[in-house]
N, C-alpha and C. Protein backbone atom coordinates (compact mmCIF):
# COMPACT_ATOMS: atom_id res chain seq x y z
N MET A 1 12.97 -13.94 -44.75
CA MET A 1 14.38 -14.10 -45.09
C MET A 1 14.79 -15.56 -44.91
N LYS A 2 15.64 -16.01 -45.82
CA LYS A 2 16.06 -17.42 -45.82
C LYS A 2 17.45 -17.57 -45.23
N ARG A 3 17.70 -18.76 -44.70
CA ARG A 3 19.04 -19.11 -44.24
C ARG A 3 19.75 -19.85 -45.36
N ALA A 4 21.07 -19.62 -45.45
CA ALA A 4 21.85 -20.26 -46.50
C ALA A 4 23.15 -20.81 -45.94
N VAL A 5 23.68 -21.77 -46.67
CA VAL A 5 25.04 -22.22 -46.45
C VAL A 5 25.79 -21.88 -47.73
N PHE A 6 26.77 -21.00 -47.60
CA PHE A 6 27.66 -20.66 -48.71
C PHE A 6 28.82 -21.64 -48.66
N LEU A 7 29.13 -22.22 -49.80
CA LEU A 7 30.11 -23.30 -49.87
C LEU A 7 31.23 -22.96 -50.84
N ASP A 8 32.45 -23.04 -50.38
CA ASP A 8 33.58 -22.96 -51.30
C ASP A 8 33.59 -24.25 -52.11
N ARG A 9 33.95 -24.17 -53.38
CA ARG A 9 33.91 -25.36 -54.23
C ARG A 9 35.13 -26.25 -54.00
N ASP A 10 36.30 -25.75 -54.34
CA ASP A 10 37.52 -26.57 -54.32
C ASP A 10 38.01 -26.75 -52.89
N GLY A 11 38.05 -28.00 -52.44
CA GLY A 11 38.43 -28.29 -51.07
C GLY A 11 37.24 -28.31 -50.13
N GLY A 12 36.12 -27.76 -50.58
CA GLY A 12 34.89 -27.81 -49.80
C GLY A 12 33.99 -28.92 -50.30
N LEU A 13 33.78 -28.94 -51.61
CA LEU A 13 32.91 -29.94 -52.23
C LEU A 13 33.69 -31.00 -52.99
N ASN A 14 34.76 -30.57 -53.64
CA ASN A 14 35.56 -31.49 -54.44
C ASN A 14 37.03 -31.44 -54.00
N ARG A 15 37.74 -32.47 -54.40
CA ARG A 15 39.17 -32.56 -54.05
C ARG A 15 39.96 -31.46 -54.75
N SER A 16 40.91 -30.92 -54.02
CA SER A 16 41.90 -30.01 -54.60
C SER A 16 43.19 -30.79 -54.77
N THR A 17 44.00 -30.36 -55.72
CA THR A 17 45.34 -30.89 -55.85
C THR A 17 46.24 -30.03 -54.99
N VAL A 18 46.98 -30.62 -54.07
CA VAL A 18 47.85 -29.86 -53.18
C VAL A 18 49.29 -29.98 -53.67
N ARG A 19 49.90 -28.81 -53.93
CA ARG A 19 51.30 -28.74 -54.34
C ARG A 19 52.00 -27.74 -53.43
N GLU A 20 53.09 -28.19 -52.81
CA GLU A 20 53.88 -27.33 -51.92
C GLU A 20 53.00 -26.69 -50.84
N GLY A 21 52.07 -27.47 -50.31
CA GLY A 21 51.23 -27.00 -49.21
C GLY A 21 50.10 -26.09 -49.61
N ARG A 22 49.89 -25.88 -50.93
CA ARG A 22 48.81 -25.01 -51.40
C ARG A 22 47.84 -25.80 -52.27
N PRO A 23 46.54 -25.55 -52.10
CA PRO A 23 45.53 -26.27 -52.88
C PRO A 23 45.28 -25.60 -54.24
N TYR A 24 45.02 -26.42 -55.24
CA TYR A 24 44.71 -25.93 -56.58
C TYR A 24 43.45 -26.62 -57.10
N ALA A 25 42.69 -25.88 -57.90
CA ALA A 25 41.43 -26.38 -58.46
C ALA A 25 41.69 -27.42 -59.55
N PRO A 26 40.73 -28.33 -59.76
CA PRO A 26 40.85 -29.25 -60.89
C PRO A 26 40.84 -28.46 -62.20
N ARG A 27 41.62 -28.91 -63.15
CA ARG A 27 41.73 -28.19 -64.42
C ARG A 27 40.96 -28.86 -65.55
N SER A 28 40.32 -29.98 -65.24
CA SER A 28 39.51 -30.67 -66.26
C SER A 28 38.37 -31.40 -65.56
N LEU A 29 37.39 -31.80 -66.34
CA LEU A 29 36.26 -32.57 -65.81
C LEU A 29 36.75 -33.91 -65.26
N GLU A 30 37.77 -34.47 -65.89
CA GLU A 30 38.32 -35.75 -65.45
C GLU A 30 38.99 -35.63 -64.07
N ASP A 31 39.52 -34.46 -63.76
CA ASP A 31 40.17 -34.23 -62.46
C ASP A 31 39.17 -33.93 -61.34
N PHE A 32 37.92 -33.66 -61.71
CA PHE A 32 36.90 -33.26 -60.74
C PHE A 32 36.38 -34.48 -60.00
N GLN A 33 36.48 -34.46 -58.65
CA GLN A 33 36.01 -35.59 -57.84
C GLN A 33 35.44 -35.05 -56.53
N LEU A 34 34.19 -35.42 -56.23
CA LEU A 34 33.57 -35.00 -54.97
C LEU A 34 34.31 -35.59 -53.78
N LEU A 35 34.32 -34.86 -52.69
CA LEU A 35 34.87 -35.36 -51.44
C LEU A 35 33.88 -36.33 -50.79
N PRO A 36 34.36 -37.28 -49.99
CA PRO A 36 33.47 -38.25 -49.34
C PRO A 36 32.45 -37.57 -48.42
N GLY A 37 31.22 -38.04 -48.48
CA GLY A 37 30.18 -37.57 -47.58
C GLY A 37 29.53 -36.25 -47.93
N VAL A 38 29.99 -35.60 -48.99
CA VAL A 38 29.47 -34.27 -49.36
C VAL A 38 28.01 -34.35 -49.79
N ALA A 39 27.67 -35.28 -50.66
CA ALA A 39 26.29 -35.36 -51.16
C ALA A 39 25.30 -35.59 -50.01
N GLU A 40 25.64 -36.48 -49.11
CA GLU A 40 24.77 -36.77 -47.97
C GLU A 40 24.64 -35.57 -47.04
N ALA A 41 25.76 -34.89 -46.78
CA ALA A 41 25.74 -33.71 -45.90
C ALA A 41 24.87 -32.60 -46.49
N LEU A 42 25.00 -32.38 -47.80
CA LEU A 42 24.20 -31.33 -48.43
C LEU A 42 22.73 -31.70 -48.47
N ALA A 43 22.43 -32.98 -48.64
CA ALA A 43 21.03 -33.42 -48.61
C ALA A 43 20.41 -33.13 -47.23
N ARG A 44 21.17 -33.36 -46.16
CA ARG A 44 20.66 -33.07 -44.81
C ARG A 44 20.43 -31.57 -44.64
N LEU A 45 21.35 -30.75 -45.13
CA LEU A 45 21.18 -29.29 -45.02
C LEU A 45 19.97 -28.83 -45.82
N ARG A 46 19.81 -29.37 -47.02
CA ARG A 46 18.67 -29.01 -47.87
C ARG A 46 17.36 -29.40 -47.19
N ASN A 47 17.32 -30.60 -46.63
CA ASN A 47 16.10 -31.07 -45.94
C ASN A 47 15.77 -30.21 -44.72
N ALA A 48 16.78 -29.56 -44.15
CA ALA A 48 16.56 -28.67 -43.00
C ALA A 48 16.15 -27.27 -43.45
N GLY A 49 16.06 -27.05 -44.77
CA GLY A 49 15.56 -25.78 -45.27
C GLY A 49 16.60 -24.76 -45.67
N PHE A 50 17.87 -25.13 -45.67
CA PHE A 50 18.92 -24.19 -46.06
C PHE A 50 19.04 -24.08 -47.58
N LEU A 51 19.25 -22.87 -48.07
CA LEU A 51 19.69 -22.68 -49.45
C LEU A 51 21.16 -23.09 -49.51
N LEU A 52 21.58 -23.67 -50.62
CA LEU A 52 22.97 -24.10 -50.78
C LEU A 52 23.56 -23.35 -51.97
N ILE A 53 24.51 -22.48 -51.68
CA ILE A 53 25.07 -21.61 -52.71
C ILE A 53 26.58 -21.73 -52.73
N VAL A 54 27.11 -22.10 -53.89
CA VAL A 54 28.56 -22.21 -54.07
C VAL A 54 29.10 -20.83 -54.41
N VAL A 55 30.18 -20.44 -53.74
CA VAL A 55 30.89 -19.19 -54.04
C VAL A 55 32.35 -19.56 -54.27
N THR A 56 32.83 -19.39 -55.50
CA THR A 56 34.14 -19.92 -55.84
C THR A 56 34.99 -18.94 -56.64
N ASN A 57 36.24 -18.79 -56.22
CA ASN A 57 37.24 -18.06 -57.00
C ASN A 57 37.80 -19.03 -58.03
N GLN A 58 37.84 -18.62 -59.29
CA GLN A 58 38.41 -19.45 -60.34
C GLN A 58 39.38 -18.61 -61.19
N PRO A 59 40.51 -18.20 -60.60
CA PRO A 59 41.45 -17.34 -61.32
C PRO A 59 42.14 -18.04 -62.49
N ASP A 60 42.10 -19.38 -62.53
CA ASP A 60 42.71 -20.09 -63.66
C ASP A 60 42.04 -19.74 -64.98
N VAL A 61 40.78 -19.29 -64.93
CA VAL A 61 40.10 -18.86 -66.15
C VAL A 61 40.75 -17.57 -66.67
N ALA A 62 40.94 -16.59 -65.78
CA ALA A 62 41.57 -15.33 -66.18
C ALA A 62 43.01 -15.56 -66.64
N ALA A 63 43.68 -16.53 -66.02
CA ALA A 63 45.07 -16.81 -66.37
C ALA A 63 45.19 -17.64 -67.65
N GLY A 64 44.06 -18.11 -68.19
CA GLY A 64 44.08 -18.88 -69.42
C GLY A 64 44.45 -20.35 -69.22
N VAL A 65 44.48 -20.81 -67.99
CA VAL A 65 44.82 -22.20 -67.69
C VAL A 65 43.61 -23.11 -67.86
N VAL A 66 42.42 -22.58 -67.56
CA VAL A 66 41.16 -23.32 -67.70
C VAL A 66 40.22 -22.52 -68.59
N ARG A 67 39.64 -23.18 -69.59
CA ARG A 67 38.69 -22.50 -70.48
C ARG A 67 37.32 -22.40 -69.81
N ARG A 68 36.58 -21.36 -70.14
CA ARG A 68 35.24 -21.16 -69.57
C ARG A 68 34.33 -22.36 -69.84
N GLU A 69 34.49 -23.01 -71.00
CA GLU A 69 33.66 -24.16 -71.33
C GLU A 69 33.92 -25.31 -70.35
N VAL A 70 35.18 -25.49 -69.97
CA VAL A 70 35.53 -26.54 -69.01
C VAL A 70 34.92 -26.21 -67.65
N LEU A 71 35.02 -24.96 -67.23
CA LEU A 71 34.42 -24.52 -65.97
C LEU A 71 32.91 -24.77 -65.99
N ALA A 72 32.26 -24.45 -67.10
CA ALA A 72 30.81 -24.66 -67.22
C ALA A 72 30.46 -26.14 -67.12
N ARG A 73 31.27 -27.01 -67.71
CA ARG A 73 31.01 -28.46 -67.63
C ARG A 73 31.19 -28.98 -66.20
N ILE A 74 32.21 -28.47 -65.51
CA ILE A 74 32.42 -28.87 -64.12
C ILE A 74 31.22 -28.46 -63.28
N HIS A 75 30.72 -27.24 -63.50
CA HIS A 75 29.57 -26.77 -62.72
C HIS A 75 28.29 -27.50 -63.10
N GLN A 76 28.17 -27.89 -64.35
CA GLN A 76 27.02 -28.70 -64.78
C GLN A 76 27.03 -30.05 -64.04
N LYS A 77 28.20 -30.65 -63.93
CA LYS A 77 28.33 -31.92 -63.22
C LYS A 77 28.03 -31.72 -61.73
N LEU A 78 28.52 -30.63 -61.16
CA LEU A 78 28.28 -30.32 -59.74
C LEU A 78 26.78 -30.22 -59.47
N ARG A 79 26.07 -29.52 -60.36
CA ARG A 79 24.61 -29.37 -60.20
C ARG A 79 23.89 -30.70 -60.36
N ALA A 80 24.41 -31.58 -61.21
CA ALA A 80 23.78 -32.89 -61.41
C ALA A 80 23.97 -33.80 -60.19
N LEU A 81 25.08 -33.63 -59.49
CA LEU A 81 25.40 -34.51 -58.36
C LEU A 81 24.90 -34.00 -57.01
N LEU A 82 24.71 -32.68 -56.90
CA LEU A 82 24.41 -32.09 -55.59
C LEU A 82 23.20 -31.16 -55.67
N PRO A 83 22.47 -30.99 -54.55
CA PRO A 83 21.30 -30.11 -54.54
C PRO A 83 21.68 -28.63 -54.36
N ILE A 84 22.40 -28.10 -55.33
CA ILE A 84 22.90 -26.73 -55.29
C ILE A 84 21.83 -25.78 -55.85
N ASP A 85 21.59 -24.68 -55.14
CA ASP A 85 20.63 -23.68 -55.61
C ASP A 85 21.26 -22.69 -56.58
N ASP A 86 22.53 -22.35 -56.36
CA ASP A 86 23.17 -21.34 -57.20
C ASP A 86 24.68 -21.51 -57.11
N ILE A 87 25.36 -21.05 -58.15
CA ILE A 87 26.82 -21.04 -58.16
C ILE A 87 27.26 -19.64 -58.57
N LYS A 88 28.00 -18.98 -57.70
CA LYS A 88 28.57 -17.66 -57.98
C LYS A 88 30.06 -17.86 -58.22
N VAL A 89 30.56 -17.29 -59.31
CA VAL A 89 31.95 -17.50 -59.71
C VAL A 89 32.64 -16.16 -59.92
N CYS A 90 33.85 -16.05 -59.39
CA CYS A 90 34.73 -14.92 -59.70
C CYS A 90 35.90 -15.48 -60.49
N CYS A 91 36.04 -15.02 -61.73
CA CYS A 91 37.13 -15.49 -62.59
C CYS A 91 38.30 -14.49 -62.63
N HIS A 92 38.30 -13.54 -61.72
CA HIS A 92 39.36 -12.54 -61.68
C HIS A 92 40.58 -13.04 -60.91
N VAL A 93 41.69 -12.32 -61.06
CA VAL A 93 42.88 -12.54 -60.24
C VAL A 93 42.97 -11.38 -59.25
N ASP A 94 43.80 -11.52 -58.23
CA ASP A 94 43.92 -10.49 -57.19
C ASP A 94 44.17 -9.10 -57.78
N GLU A 95 45.01 -9.04 -58.79
CA GLU A 95 45.39 -7.75 -59.37
C GLU A 95 44.22 -7.02 -60.03
N ASP A 96 43.14 -7.72 -60.33
CA ASP A 96 41.96 -7.08 -60.93
C ASP A 96 41.22 -6.20 -59.93
N ASP A 97 41.45 -6.41 -58.64
CA ASP A 97 40.87 -5.58 -57.58
C ASP A 97 39.34 -5.48 -57.71
N CYS A 98 38.69 -6.62 -57.94
CA CYS A 98 37.24 -6.66 -58.09
C CYS A 98 36.56 -6.78 -56.72
N ALA A 99 35.26 -6.62 -56.70
CA ALA A 99 34.49 -6.74 -55.45
C ALA A 99 34.05 -8.18 -55.19
N CYS A 100 34.15 -9.04 -56.22
CA CYS A 100 33.62 -10.39 -56.07
C CYS A 100 34.63 -11.40 -55.55
N ARG A 101 35.89 -11.20 -55.81
CA ARG A 101 36.90 -12.20 -55.44
C ARG A 101 37.06 -12.28 -53.92
N LYS A 102 36.88 -13.50 -53.38
CA LYS A 102 37.13 -13.68 -51.95
C LYS A 102 38.60 -13.35 -51.68
N PRO A 103 38.91 -12.62 -50.63
CA PRO A 103 38.21 -12.47 -49.37
C PRO A 103 37.13 -11.38 -49.34
N ARG A 104 36.91 -10.68 -50.44
CA ARG A 104 35.82 -9.70 -50.44
C ARG A 104 34.49 -10.45 -50.50
N PRO A 105 33.44 -9.85 -49.97
CA PRO A 105 32.17 -10.57 -49.83
C PRO A 105 31.21 -10.42 -51.01
N GLY A 106 31.67 -9.91 -52.14
CA GLY A 106 30.77 -9.60 -53.25
C GLY A 106 29.85 -10.72 -53.69
N MET A 107 30.37 -11.94 -53.83
CA MET A 107 29.53 -13.05 -54.28
C MET A 107 28.45 -13.38 -53.25
N LEU A 108 28.79 -13.32 -51.98
CA LEU A 108 27.83 -13.61 -50.92
C LEU A 108 26.75 -12.53 -50.87
N LEU A 109 27.16 -11.28 -50.99
CA LEU A 109 26.19 -10.17 -50.95
C LEU A 109 25.26 -10.21 -52.15
N GLU A 110 25.80 -10.54 -53.32
CA GLU A 110 24.97 -10.67 -54.53
C GLU A 110 23.92 -11.76 -54.34
N ALA A 111 24.35 -12.91 -53.85
CA ALA A 111 23.42 -14.02 -53.62
C ALA A 111 22.37 -13.64 -52.57
N ALA A 112 22.80 -12.92 -51.53
CA ALA A 112 21.86 -12.51 -50.47
C ALA A 112 20.76 -11.63 -51.04
N ARG A 113 21.12 -10.73 -51.95
CA ARG A 113 20.11 -9.86 -52.59
C ARG A 113 19.17 -10.69 -53.46
N GLU A 114 19.73 -11.56 -54.27
CA GLU A 114 18.94 -12.34 -55.22
C GLU A 114 18.01 -13.35 -54.54
N TRP A 115 18.45 -13.92 -53.44
CA TRP A 115 17.72 -15.01 -52.79
C TRP A 115 17.06 -14.60 -51.48
N SER A 116 17.11 -13.33 -51.11
CA SER A 116 16.55 -12.84 -49.83
C SER A 116 17.10 -13.63 -48.64
N ILE A 117 18.42 -13.62 -48.53
CA ILE A 117 19.11 -14.40 -47.50
C ILE A 117 19.38 -13.54 -46.27
N ASP A 118 19.14 -14.13 -45.12
CA ASP A 118 19.48 -13.54 -43.82
C ASP A 118 20.93 -13.93 -43.52
N LEU A 119 21.86 -13.03 -43.80
CA LEU A 119 23.28 -13.35 -43.66
C LEU A 119 23.67 -13.65 -42.22
N GLU A 120 23.07 -12.97 -41.28
CA GLU A 120 23.42 -13.16 -39.87
C GLU A 120 23.12 -14.59 -39.39
N HIS A 121 22.17 -15.24 -40.02
CA HIS A 121 21.81 -16.61 -39.64
C HIS A 121 22.22 -17.62 -40.70
N SER A 122 23.22 -17.25 -41.49
CA SER A 122 23.75 -18.12 -42.53
C SER A 122 25.21 -18.45 -42.23
N PHE A 123 25.76 -19.39 -43.00
CA PHE A 123 27.11 -19.90 -42.76
C PHE A 123 27.94 -19.85 -44.04
N MET A 124 29.23 -19.58 -43.89
CA MET A 124 30.20 -19.73 -44.96
C MET A 124 31.13 -20.86 -44.56
N VAL A 125 31.26 -21.87 -45.44
CA VAL A 125 32.12 -23.03 -45.17
C VAL A 125 33.19 -23.09 -46.25
N GLY A 126 34.46 -23.13 -45.82
CA GLY A 126 35.54 -23.22 -46.79
C GLY A 126 36.85 -23.66 -46.16
N ASP A 127 37.81 -23.95 -47.03
CA ASP A 127 39.10 -24.50 -46.58
C ASP A 127 40.27 -23.52 -46.71
N ARG A 128 39.97 -22.25 -47.01
CA ARG A 128 41.03 -21.24 -47.16
C ARG A 128 40.70 -20.03 -46.31
N TRP A 129 41.73 -19.26 -45.96
CA TRP A 129 41.52 -18.05 -45.17
C TRP A 129 40.60 -17.08 -45.91
N ARG A 130 40.66 -17.08 -47.24
CA ARG A 130 39.82 -16.18 -48.04
C ARG A 130 38.33 -16.46 -47.80
N ASP A 131 37.98 -17.73 -47.63
CA ASP A 131 36.59 -18.10 -47.39
C ASP A 131 36.10 -17.54 -46.06
N VAL A 132 36.92 -17.73 -45.03
CA VAL A 132 36.57 -17.24 -43.70
C VAL A 132 36.44 -15.72 -43.72
N SER A 133 37.39 -15.04 -44.34
CA SER A 133 37.35 -13.57 -44.38
C SER A 133 36.14 -13.06 -45.15
N ALA A 134 35.79 -13.71 -46.26
CA ALA A 134 34.60 -13.31 -47.02
C ALA A 134 33.34 -13.50 -46.20
N GLY A 135 33.24 -14.63 -45.52
CA GLY A 135 32.08 -14.90 -44.68
C GLY A 135 31.95 -13.89 -43.55
N LYS A 136 33.06 -13.57 -42.90
CA LYS A 136 33.06 -12.57 -41.83
C LYS A 136 32.62 -11.22 -42.37
N ALA A 137 33.18 -10.82 -43.52
CA ALA A 137 32.85 -9.52 -44.10
C ALA A 137 31.38 -9.42 -44.49
N ALA A 138 30.77 -10.56 -44.84
CA ALA A 138 29.35 -10.57 -45.20
C ALA A 138 28.44 -10.65 -43.98
N GLY A 139 29.01 -10.95 -42.82
CA GLY A 139 28.21 -11.05 -41.61
C GLY A 139 27.70 -12.45 -41.30
N CYS A 140 28.31 -13.46 -41.92
CA CYS A 140 27.91 -14.86 -41.69
C CYS A 140 28.72 -15.48 -40.56
N LYS A 141 28.22 -16.59 -40.04
CA LYS A 141 29.04 -17.45 -39.19
C LYS A 141 29.97 -18.20 -40.14
N THR A 142 31.18 -18.51 -39.67
CA THR A 142 32.16 -19.13 -40.55
C THR A 142 32.65 -20.46 -40.00
N ILE A 143 32.84 -21.40 -40.92
CA ILE A 143 33.36 -22.72 -40.57
C ILE A 143 34.55 -22.99 -41.48
N PHE A 144 35.70 -23.19 -40.86
CA PHE A 144 36.93 -23.47 -41.58
C PHE A 144 37.17 -24.97 -41.60
N VAL A 145 37.31 -25.53 -42.81
CA VAL A 145 37.65 -26.95 -42.97
C VAL A 145 39.17 -27.02 -43.06
N ASP A 146 39.79 -27.52 -42.02
CA ASP A 146 41.25 -27.49 -41.89
C ASP A 146 41.89 -28.74 -42.49
N TYR A 147 42.57 -28.56 -43.61
CA TYR A 147 43.32 -29.65 -44.25
C TYR A 147 44.81 -29.51 -44.01
N GLY A 148 45.22 -28.56 -43.18
CA GLY A 148 46.63 -28.39 -42.87
C GLY A 148 47.45 -27.75 -43.97
N TYR A 149 46.82 -26.92 -44.80
CA TYR A 149 47.57 -26.21 -45.84
C TYR A 149 48.62 -25.29 -45.20
N ALA A 150 49.61 -24.92 -45.98
CA ALA A 150 50.66 -24.01 -45.52
C ALA A 150 50.20 -22.57 -45.68
N GLU A 151 49.12 -22.22 -44.99
CA GLU A 151 48.57 -20.86 -45.01
C GLU A 151 48.18 -20.48 -43.59
N ARG A 152 48.18 -19.21 -43.33
CA ARG A 152 47.74 -18.72 -42.02
C ARG A 152 46.39 -18.04 -42.17
N GLN A 153 45.53 -18.25 -41.19
CA GLN A 153 44.23 -17.57 -41.17
C GLN A 153 44.44 -16.09 -40.87
N LYS A 154 43.72 -15.25 -41.58
CA LYS A 154 43.76 -13.81 -41.30
C LYS A 154 42.68 -13.44 -40.29
N ASP A 155 41.52 -14.08 -40.38
CA ASP A 155 40.40 -13.85 -39.46
C ASP A 155 40.08 -15.18 -38.77
N PRO A 156 39.86 -15.16 -37.46
CA PRO A 156 39.53 -16.43 -36.79
C PRO A 156 38.13 -16.90 -37.17
N PRO A 157 37.99 -18.17 -37.56
CA PRO A 157 36.66 -18.70 -37.88
C PRO A 157 35.86 -18.94 -36.61
N ASP A 158 34.55 -19.06 -36.77
CA ASP A 158 33.70 -19.39 -35.63
C ASP A 158 33.85 -20.85 -35.22
N PHE A 159 34.10 -21.72 -36.21
CA PHE A 159 34.26 -23.15 -35.95
C PHE A 159 35.37 -23.69 -36.85
N VAL A 160 36.05 -24.73 -36.39
CA VAL A 160 37.07 -25.42 -37.19
C VAL A 160 36.69 -26.90 -37.22
N VAL A 161 36.67 -27.47 -38.43
CA VAL A 161 36.32 -28.88 -38.62
C VAL A 161 37.32 -29.51 -39.57
N THR A 162 37.16 -30.81 -39.82
CA THR A 162 38.05 -31.49 -40.76
C THR A 162 37.33 -32.00 -42.00
N SER A 163 36.01 -31.73 -42.10
CA SER A 163 35.26 -32.19 -43.28
C SER A 163 33.94 -31.43 -43.40
N LEU A 164 33.36 -31.45 -44.58
CA LEU A 164 32.05 -30.84 -44.78
C LEU A 164 30.96 -31.56 -43.97
N PRO A 165 30.95 -32.90 -43.90
CA PRO A 165 29.94 -33.54 -43.05
C PRO A 165 30.01 -33.07 -41.59
N GLU A 166 31.21 -32.83 -41.09
CA GLU A 166 31.35 -32.32 -39.72
C GLU A 166 30.79 -30.90 -39.62
N ALA A 167 31.02 -30.09 -40.65
CA ALA A 167 30.46 -28.73 -40.69
C ALA A 167 28.94 -28.79 -40.70
N ALA A 168 28.37 -29.71 -41.48
CA ALA A 168 26.91 -29.84 -41.56
C ALA A 168 26.31 -30.15 -40.20
N LYS A 169 26.98 -30.97 -39.41
CA LYS A 169 26.49 -31.28 -38.05
C LYS A 169 26.39 -30.01 -37.21
N ILE A 170 27.42 -29.18 -37.27
CA ILE A 170 27.42 -27.92 -36.51
C ILE A 170 26.27 -27.03 -36.97
N ILE A 171 26.11 -26.91 -38.28
CA ILE A 171 25.06 -26.05 -38.83
C ILE A 171 23.68 -26.55 -38.39
N LEU A 172 23.47 -27.84 -38.47
CA LEU A 172 22.17 -28.41 -38.13
C LEU A 172 21.85 -28.30 -36.64
N GLN A 173 22.87 -28.15 -35.82
CA GLN A 173 22.67 -27.98 -34.38
C GLN A 173 22.48 -26.52 -33.99
N SER A 174 22.65 -25.62 -34.96
CA SER A 174 22.56 -24.18 -34.64
C SER A 174 21.12 -23.71 -34.55
């Protein structure tokens, strides 16, 4: 069984646009920008033998705000810049009541089956309560990247950090 780091995309790997205390995904390739230190942190995790799997909610696709082609181009760029093994995407909205949309653990469980991942010895890293809840539901250790959004955590994370490089240090010491 392999160990993995599940990574939220927006706010975890790339900058989110924050409006009224809430983060929003980039809506174009031009808006997509990696956060500082992400590439180096992921390289260290990869060198330590972790699988790196992005798990991302993208409801703007279902809402018609972002076209699937734009999402595909953003993910193509992400794969070109970072040592990502897989990207799992949920394009549903809450009202769709799907199993994949975080805070449900569907994307993590699917990846665990496909990649033979040991969830108990894996990590979920994200900047929203949904990420922490999905990681907990899947049985992972959770790391919350706190940017001070106007949201309350529903489940307490195992660790709280202020950046992905800081999260990588915790993971590498585990």
